[in-house]
Amino acid sequence: MSMPMSDEKWPDAEALWRLRQQFDTDERASEERRAHERKNVHWAARLVLPEGAYACTVYDLSMGGARVRLVAELQKFQRVRLDFDMLAPLNADVVWVGIGMVGIRFTDDPAYVTRVLGPVLAGGASNVKDATGG
């Protein structure tokens, strides 16, 4: 039979409030650092590394980078290529790693990224297949 946890193991209300305040401050700072507007998408793609390609789903996309879901262990600063079925590939660096997600920053010339992504980000995702194949 398990014993109930004592109150000593839980942070008090003041500690929780401080954590929440710090989270809110960090989130605002993160938003201010973003130079490009993000678009929520659900696009099937491939993340290509020297050792092979991994199927992935792109969830956030901007002219600066993307948030990508995949089943693979990547490292920060790793160089990758994001391949879409209907668009030219984009080179990128991994800038953050989470559980099942990575953030990538495009390393191609911004004018090239604009040529590749500009029409679909401005006009929607009608010409890129979503992750469900539709």
N, C-alpha and C. Protein backbone atom coordinates (compact mmCIF):
# COMPACT_ATOMS: atom_id res chain seq x y z
N MET A 1 0.84 -1.17 0.00
CA MET A 1 0.00 0.00 0.00
C MET A 1 0.88 1.24 0.00
N SER A 2 0.62 2.15 -0.91
CA SER A 2 1.46 3.33 -0.97
C SER A 2 1.03 4.35 0.07
N MET A 3 2.01 5.08 0.52
CA MET A 3 1.77 6.12 1.53
C MET A 3 1.50 7.44 0.82
N PRO A 4 0.61 8.24 1.37
CA PRO A 4 0.38 9.55 0.76
C PRO A 4 1.64 10.41 0.88
N MET A 5 1.84 11.24 -0.11
CA MET A 5 3.00 12.12 -0.07
C MET A 5 2.75 13.22 0.95
N SER A 6 3.78 13.59 1.65
CA SER A 6 3.65 14.66 2.63
C SER A 6 3.65 16.00 1.93
N ASP A 7 3.11 16.99 2.59
CA ASP A 7 3.07 18.34 2.03
C ASP A 7 4.46 18.93 1.86
N GLU A 8 5.45 18.38 2.56
CA GLU A 8 6.81 18.90 2.48
C GLU A 8 7.40 18.74 1.08
N LYS A 9 6.92 17.79 0.29
CA LYS A 9 7.48 17.55 -1.03
C LYS A 9 6.87 18.45 -2.10
N TRP A 10 5.82 19.15 -1.80
CA TRP A 10 5.15 20.01 -2.75
C TRP A 10 5.57 21.46 -2.51
N PRO A 11 5.80 22.23 -3.58
CA PRO A 11 6.15 23.64 -3.38
C PRO A 11 4.97 24.39 -2.79
N ASP A 12 5.28 25.40 -1.99
CA ASP A 12 4.21 26.20 -1.42
C ASP A 12 3.64 27.14 -2.48
N ALA A 13 2.55 27.81 -2.14
CA ALA A 13 1.87 28.67 -3.10
C ALA A 13 2.77 29.79 -3.59
N GLU A 14 3.59 30.34 -2.71
CA GLU A 14 4.48 31.43 -3.11
C GLU A 14 5.53 30.94 -4.11
N ALA A 15 6.08 29.75 -3.89
CA ALA A 15 7.06 29.19 -4.82
C ALA A 15 6.42 28.92 -6.19
N LEU A 16 5.19 28.42 -6.18
CA LEU A 16 4.48 28.19 -7.44
C LEU A 16 4.21 29.50 -8.17
N TRP A 17 3.84 30.54 -7.41
CA TRP A 17 3.60 31.84 -8.01
C TRP A 17 4.87 32.38 -8.65
N ARG A 18 6.03 32.25 -7.96
CA ARG A 18 7.30 32.72 -8.51
C ARG A 18 7.66 31.95 -9.79
N LEU A 19 7.42 30.62 -9.79
CA LEU A 19 7.68 29.83 -10.98
C LEU A 19 6.82 30.30 -12.14
N ARG A 20 5.55 30.57 -11.87
CA ARG A 20 4.64 31.02 -12.92
C ARG A 20 5.07 32.39 -13.46
N GLN A 21 5.49 33.29 -12.58
CA GLN A 21 5.95 34.61 -13.00
C GLN A 21 7.18 34.48 -13.90
N GLN A 22 8.10 33.60 -13.51
CA GLN A 22 9.32 33.40 -14.31
C GLN A 22 8.97 32.81 -15.67
N PHE A 23 8.04 31.86 -15.69
CA PHE A 23 7.60 31.27 -16.95
C PHE A 23 7.00 32.35 -17.86
N ASP A 24 6.13 33.19 -17.31
CA ASP A 24 5.51 34.25 -18.10
C ASP A 24 6.56 35.22 -18.65
N THR A 25 7.54 35.58 -17.83
CA THR A 25 8.61 36.48 -18.26
C THR A 25 9.42 35.85 -19.38
N ASP A 26 9.78 34.58 -19.20
CA ASP A 26 10.56 33.87 -20.23
C ASP A 26 9.77 33.77 -21.53
N GLU A 27 8.48 33.50 -21.44
CA GLU A 27 7.64 33.37 -22.63
C GLU A 27 7.55 34.70 -23.38
N ARG A 28 7.38 35.81 -22.65
CA ARG A 28 7.34 37.12 -23.31
C ARG A 28 8.66 37.42 -24.00
N ALA A 29 9.76 37.12 -23.33
CA ALA A 29 11.08 37.36 -23.93
C ALA A 29 11.26 36.52 -25.19
N SER A 30 10.79 35.29 -25.15
CA SER A 30 10.88 34.40 -26.32
C SER A 30 10.08 34.97 -27.48
N GLU A 31 8.88 35.45 -27.22
CA GLU A 31 8.04 36.03 -28.27
C GLU A 31 8.71 37.25 -28.88
N GLU A 32 9.36 38.07 -28.04
CA GLU A 32 10.00 39.28 -28.53
C GLU A 32 11.20 38.96 -29.40
N ARG A 33 11.87 37.82 -29.15
CA ARG A 33 13.04 37.44 -29.92
C ARG A 33 12.68 36.95 -31.32
N ARG A 34 11.46 36.52 -31.52
CA ARG A 34 11.07 35.98 -32.82
C ARG A 34 10.98 37.11 -33.84
N ALA A 35 11.74 36.97 -34.88
CA ALA A 35 11.78 38.00 -35.91
C ALA A 35 10.74 37.76 -37.01
N HIS A 36 10.17 36.55 -37.06
CA HIS A 36 9.26 36.19 -38.15
C HIS A 36 7.93 35.71 -37.58
N GLU A 37 6.87 36.08 -38.27
CA GLU A 37 5.54 35.62 -37.88
C GLU A 37 5.43 34.12 -38.14
N ARG A 38 4.84 33.41 -37.19
CA ARG A 38 4.68 31.97 -37.34
C ARG A 38 3.30 31.63 -37.86
N LYS A 39 3.26 30.54 -38.61
CA LYS A 39 1.98 30.05 -39.12
C LYS A 39 1.81 28.62 -38.62
N ASN A 40 0.67 28.32 -38.04
CA ASN A 40 0.39 26.95 -37.62
C ASN A 40 0.03 26.14 -38.86
N VAL A 41 0.78 25.06 -39.06
CA VAL A 41 0.55 24.17 -40.18
C VAL A 41 0.56 22.74 -39.66
N HIS A 42 0.25 21.82 -40.51
CA HIS A 42 0.31 20.39 -40.19
C HIS A 42 0.73 19.69 -41.47
N TRP A 43 2.02 19.84 -41.79
CA TRP A 43 2.54 19.37 -43.07
C TRP A 43 3.46 18.18 -42.89
N ALA A 44 3.27 17.19 -43.74
CA ALA A 44 4.18 16.05 -43.78
C ALA A 44 5.47 16.49 -44.48
N ALA A 45 6.59 16.02 -43.97
CA ALA A 45 7.88 16.36 -44.56
C ALA A 45 8.89 15.28 -44.18
N ARG A 46 10.14 15.51 -44.57
CA ARG A 46 11.25 14.64 -44.17
C ARG A 46 12.37 15.52 -43.64
N LEU A 47 12.96 15.09 -42.56
CA LEU A 47 14.15 15.76 -42.04
C LEU A 47 15.34 14.88 -42.42
N VAL A 48 16.23 15.43 -43.23
CA VAL A 48 17.33 14.66 -43.80
C VAL A 48 18.62 14.98 -43.05
N LEU A 49 19.29 13.91 -42.62
CA LEU A 49 20.58 13.99 -41.94
C LEU A 49 21.57 13.16 -42.74
N PRO A 50 22.86 13.27 -42.48
CA PRO A 50 23.82 12.45 -43.22
C PRO A 50 23.54 10.95 -43.12
N GLU A 51 23.01 10.50 -41.96
CA GLU A 51 22.77 9.07 -41.78
C GLU A 51 21.43 8.59 -42.32
N GLY A 52 20.60 9.50 -42.82
CA GLY A 52 19.33 9.08 -43.39
C GLY A 52 18.25 10.12 -43.22
N ALA A 53 17.06 9.80 -43.75
CA ALA A 53 15.91 10.71 -43.69
C ALA A 53 14.88 10.16 -42.72
N TYR A 54 14.21 11.08 -42.02
CA TYR A 54 13.18 10.72 -41.05
C TYR A 54 11.88 11.41 -41.43
N ALA A 55 10.79 10.65 -41.49
CA ALA A 55 9.48 11.26 -41.70
C ALA A 55 9.18 12.15 -40.51
N CYS A 56 8.57 13.29 -40.78
CA CYS A 56 8.26 14.23 -39.70
C CYS A 56 7.00 15.00 -40.04
N THR A 57 6.54 15.77 -39.08
CA THR A 57 5.40 16.67 -39.27
C THR A 57 5.82 18.05 -38.84
N VAL A 58 5.60 19.04 -39.69
CA VAL A 58 5.91 20.43 -39.37
C VAL A 58 4.65 21.05 -38.78
N TYR A 59 4.80 21.66 -37.58
CA TYR A 59 3.64 22.25 -36.90
C TYR A 59 3.65 23.77 -36.92
N ASP A 60 4.77 24.40 -36.73
CA ASP A 60 4.89 25.86 -36.82
C ASP A 60 5.89 26.14 -37.91
N LEU A 61 5.60 27.14 -38.72
CA LEU A 61 6.50 27.45 -39.82
C LEU A 61 6.58 28.96 -39.97
N SER A 62 7.78 29.45 -40.17
CA SER A 62 7.99 30.87 -40.45
C SER A 62 9.13 30.98 -41.43
N MET A 63 9.42 32.20 -41.85
CA MET A 63 10.54 32.42 -42.75
C MET A 63 11.88 32.12 -42.06
N GLY A 64 11.86 32.07 -40.73
CA GLY A 64 13.10 31.83 -39.99
C GLY A 64 13.35 30.39 -39.60
N GLY A 65 12.29 29.58 -39.50
CA GLY A 65 12.48 28.21 -39.08
C GLY A 65 11.16 27.50 -38.86
N ALA A 66 11.22 26.38 -38.12
CA ALA A 66 10.02 25.56 -37.94
C ALA A 66 10.12 24.74 -36.66
N ARG A 67 8.95 24.34 -36.18
CA ARG A 67 8.86 23.36 -35.09
C ARG A 67 8.43 22.05 -35.74
N VAL A 68 9.23 21.00 -35.49
CA VAL A 68 9.06 19.74 -36.21
C VAL A 68 8.92 18.59 -35.22
N ARG A 69 7.94 17.73 -35.47
CA ARG A 69 7.75 16.52 -34.65
C ARG A 69 8.32 15.34 -35.41
N LEU A 70 9.16 14.54 -34.73
CA LEU A 70 9.70 13.35 -35.35
C LEU A 70 10.16 12.37 -34.30
N VAL A 71 10.34 11.13 -34.73
CA VAL A 71 10.83 10.08 -33.84
C VAL A 71 12.28 9.84 -34.20
N ALA A 72 13.16 10.59 -33.59
CA ALA A 72 14.61 10.47 -33.78
C ALA A 72 15.28 11.33 -32.73
N GLU A 73 16.46 10.92 -32.32
CA GLU A 73 17.21 11.72 -31.36
C GLU A 73 18.18 12.61 -32.11
N LEU A 74 17.96 13.90 -32.00
CA LEU A 74 18.84 14.86 -32.64
C LEU A 74 19.56 15.67 -31.56
N GLN A 75 20.58 16.36 -31.96
CA GLN A 75 21.36 17.20 -31.05
C GLN A 75 21.25 18.66 -31.48
N LYS A 76 21.35 19.56 -30.52
CA LYS A 76 21.41 20.98 -30.86
C LYS A 76 22.60 21.22 -31.77
N PHE A 77 22.44 22.17 -32.67
CA PHE A 77 23.46 22.61 -33.62
C PHE A 77 23.71 21.61 -34.74
N GLN A 78 22.95 20.51 -34.77
CA GLN A 78 23.09 19.54 -35.84
C GLN A 78 22.54 20.15 -37.13
N ARG A 79 23.22 19.92 -38.23
CA ARG A 79 22.76 20.43 -39.53
C ARG A 79 21.79 19.42 -40.14
N VAL A 80 20.68 19.93 -40.67
CA VAL A 80 19.65 19.09 -41.26
C VAL A 80 19.14 19.76 -42.53
N ARG A 81 18.33 19.01 -43.28
CA ARG A 81 17.63 19.57 -44.44
C ARG A 81 16.16 19.19 -44.31
N LEU A 82 15.28 20.15 -44.48
CA LEU A 82 13.84 19.91 -44.43
C LEU A 82 13.33 19.78 -45.85
N ASP A 83 12.80 18.60 -46.17
CA ASP A 83 12.27 18.32 -47.51
C ASP A 83 10.75 18.21 -47.46
N PHE A 84 10.09 18.96 -48.33
CA PHE A 84 8.65 18.86 -48.53
C PHE A 84 8.42 18.21 -49.89
N ASP A 85 7.25 17.60 -50.08
CA ASP A 85 6.95 16.98 -51.37
C ASP A 85 6.81 18.01 -52.49
N MET A 86 6.23 19.16 -52.21
CA MET A 86 5.88 20.11 -53.25
C MET A 86 6.72 21.39 -53.23
N LEU A 87 7.73 21.46 -52.36
CA LEU A 87 8.55 22.67 -52.25
C LEU A 87 10.02 22.30 -52.34
N ALA A 88 10.84 23.28 -52.63
CA ALA A 88 12.28 23.07 -52.63
C ALA A 88 12.76 22.82 -51.20
N PRO A 89 13.81 22.04 -51.02
CA PRO A 89 14.32 21.75 -49.68
C PRO A 89 14.96 22.99 -49.04
N LEU A 90 14.97 22.99 -47.69
CA LEU A 90 15.56 24.09 -46.93
C LEU A 90 16.58 23.53 -45.95
N ASN A 91 17.77 24.11 -45.93
CA ASN A 91 18.80 23.72 -44.97
C ASN A 91 18.56 24.42 -43.66
N ALA A 92 18.94 23.75 -42.56
CA ALA A 92 18.66 24.32 -41.24
C ALA A 92 19.63 23.76 -40.20
N ASP A 93 19.64 24.41 -39.06
CA ASP A 93 20.34 23.94 -37.87
C ASP A 93 19.30 23.66 -36.79
N VAL A 94 19.52 22.61 -36.01
CA VAL A 94 18.65 22.33 -34.86
C VAL A 94 19.01 23.34 -33.77
N VAL A 95 18.02 24.09 -33.29
CA VAL A 95 18.29 25.10 -32.27
C VAL A 95 17.75 24.72 -30.90
N TRP A 96 16.79 23.80 -30.84
CA TRP A 96 16.34 23.28 -29.56
C TRP A 96 15.79 21.88 -29.77
N VAL A 97 15.86 21.09 -28.71
CA VAL A 97 15.42 19.70 -28.75
C VAL A 97 14.49 19.47 -27.57
N GLY A 98 13.32 18.92 -27.85
CA GLY A 98 12.37 18.55 -26.82
C GLY A 98 12.00 17.09 -26.99
N ILE A 99 11.04 16.65 -26.22
CA ILE A 99 10.59 15.26 -26.32
C ILE A 99 9.73 15.12 -27.58
N GLY A 100 10.28 14.45 -28.57
CA GLY A 100 9.56 14.23 -29.83
C GLY A 100 9.47 15.45 -30.72
N MET A 101 10.11 16.55 -30.36
CA MET A 101 10.04 17.78 -31.14
C MET A 101 11.43 18.40 -31.24
N VAL A 102 11.65 19.12 -32.32
CA VAL A 102 12.86 19.93 -32.45
C VAL A 102 12.47 21.26 -33.06
N GLY A 103 13.26 22.26 -32.76
CA GLY A 103 13.13 23.55 -33.41
C GLY A 103 14.30 23.71 -34.35
N ILE A 104 14.02 24.14 -35.56
CA ILE A 104 15.09 24.34 -36.52
C ILE A 104 15.08 25.79 -37.01
N ARG A 105 16.27 26.29 -37.33
CA ARG A 105 16.43 27.63 -37.90
C ARG A 105 17.01 27.46 -39.29
N PHE A 106 16.34 28.06 -40.26
CA PHE A 106 16.81 27.94 -41.64
C PHE A 106 18.14 28.67 -41.81
N THR A 107 19.06 28.03 -42.54
CA THR A 107 20.39 28.60 -42.75
C THR A 107 20.60 29.05 -44.20
N ASP A 108 19.63 28.79 -45.05
CA ASP A 108 19.73 29.25 -46.43
C ASP A 108 19.59 30.77 -46.47
N ASP A 109 20.00 31.35 -47.60
CA ASP A 109 19.86 32.78 -47.80
C ASP A 109 18.39 33.18 -47.61
N PRO A 110 18.12 34.24 -46.84
CA PRO A 110 16.72 34.64 -46.59
C PRO A 110 15.91 34.88 -47.87
N ALA A 111 16.55 35.37 -48.92
CA ALA A 111 15.82 35.58 -50.18
C ALA A 111 15.35 34.25 -50.76
N TYR A 112 16.18 33.21 -50.65
CA TYR A 112 15.81 31.89 -51.13
C TYR A 112 14.65 31.33 -50.30
N VAL A 113 14.74 31.46 -48.96
CA VAL A 113 13.66 30.98 -48.08
C VAL A 113 12.36 31.70 -48.42
N THR A 114 12.43 32.99 -48.68
CA THR A 114 11.24 33.76 -49.05
C THR A 114 10.65 33.26 -50.36
N ARG A 115 11.50 32.94 -51.34
CA ARG A 115 11.00 32.40 -52.61
C ARG A 115 10.32 31.05 -52.40
N VAL A 116 10.87 30.22 -51.52
CA VAL A 116 10.31 28.89 -51.29
C VAL A 116 9.03 28.96 -50.46
N LEU A 117 9.07 29.68 -49.35
CA LEU A 117 7.95 29.66 -48.40
C LEU A 117 6.96 30.81 -48.56
N GLY A 118 7.40 31.92 -49.13
CA GLY A 118 6.54 33.10 -49.21
C GLY A 118 5.17 32.83 -49.78
N PRO A 119 5.07 32.20 -50.95
CA PRO A 119 3.75 31.98 -51.53
C PRO A 119 2.84 31.09 -50.67
N VAL A 120 3.39 30.06 -50.04
CA VAL A 120 2.53 29.17 -49.26
C VAL A 120 2.20 29.75 -47.90
N LEU A 121 3.10 30.52 -47.31
CA LEU A 121 2.79 31.15 -46.02
C LEU A 121 1.79 32.28 -46.19
N ALA A 122 1.87 32.98 -47.30
CA ALA A 122 0.94 34.08 -47.56
C ALA A 122 -0.42 33.57 -48.01
N GLY A 123 -0.41 32.49 -48.81
CA GLY A 123 -1.66 32.04 -49.40
C GLY A 123 -2.25 30.78 -48.80
N GLY A 124 -1.65 30.24 -47.76
CA GLY A 124 -2.17 29.02 -47.16
C GLY A 124 -1.40 27.82 -47.65
N ALA A 125 -1.81 26.67 -47.18
CA ALA A 125 -1.08 25.43 -47.43
C ALA A 125 -1.77 24.56 -48.48
N SER A 126 -2.49 25.16 -49.40
CA SER A 126 -3.27 24.35 -50.33
C SER A 126 -2.42 23.49 -51.25
N ASN A 127 -1.18 23.91 -51.53
CA ASN A 127 -0.39 23.12 -52.46
C ASN A 127 0.66 22.26 -51.76
N VAL A 128 0.57 22.10 -50.48
CA VAL A 128 1.46 21.21 -49.72
C VAL A 128 0.57 20.22 -48.99
N LYS A 129 0.89 18.93 -49.14
CA LYS A 129 0.08 17.91 -48.49
C LYS A 129 0.25 17.98 -46.98
N ASP A 130 -0.85 17.79 -46.27
CA ASP A 130 -0.74 17.76 -44.82
C ASP A 130 -0.26 16.37 -44.38
N ALA A 131 -0.04 16.23 -43.08
CA ALA A 131 0.54 15.00 -42.55
C ALA A 131 -0.41 13.81 -42.68
N THR A 132 -1.67 14.08 -42.96
CA THR A 132 -2.61 12.99 -43.10
C THR A 132 -2.74 12.56 -44.56
N GLY A 133 -1.98 13.22 -45.43
CA GLY A 133 -2.03 12.84 -46.85
C GLY A 133 -3.05 13.60 -47.65
N GLY A 134 -3.77 14.55 -47.02
CA GLY A 134 -4.82 15.28 -47.72
C GLY A 134 -4.37 16.51 -48.39
